[in-house]
């Protein structure tokens, strides 16, 4: 028995609010217009394709290539131009910056908190 599942992925960019919810079981969640747009665009996604908004196309450098998918009617937003990612490149802007926690070294552990109540 072989099970194959092709995923579709949708990306939007914009401001979000993120936080940890819960007191016994911690869950990370994000809220905002970009999250809602991505979730609603995903309903129109195609298997094996990465679909992005015009804002994403405008916020990456020219080493990425996109194909215009067309205009989709997105609930709560109206008609939006959507694109498929054809090939990748490198990000520009804030996403390219190094974290203050790891100074560019992904293997360096986060600093310990002396007043931590989590065990």
Foldseek 3Di string as FASTA:
>chain_A
DDDDDFAEFEFEDDDKDWDWDDDPDTDIDIDDPRVLQRVQVRVVTDGNWYKYFPVVVVFADPVWDWAWPQWDQGPPPGTTTMITTDDDDDGDDPVPDDDPQQNPPPPDDGDDDPPDPDD
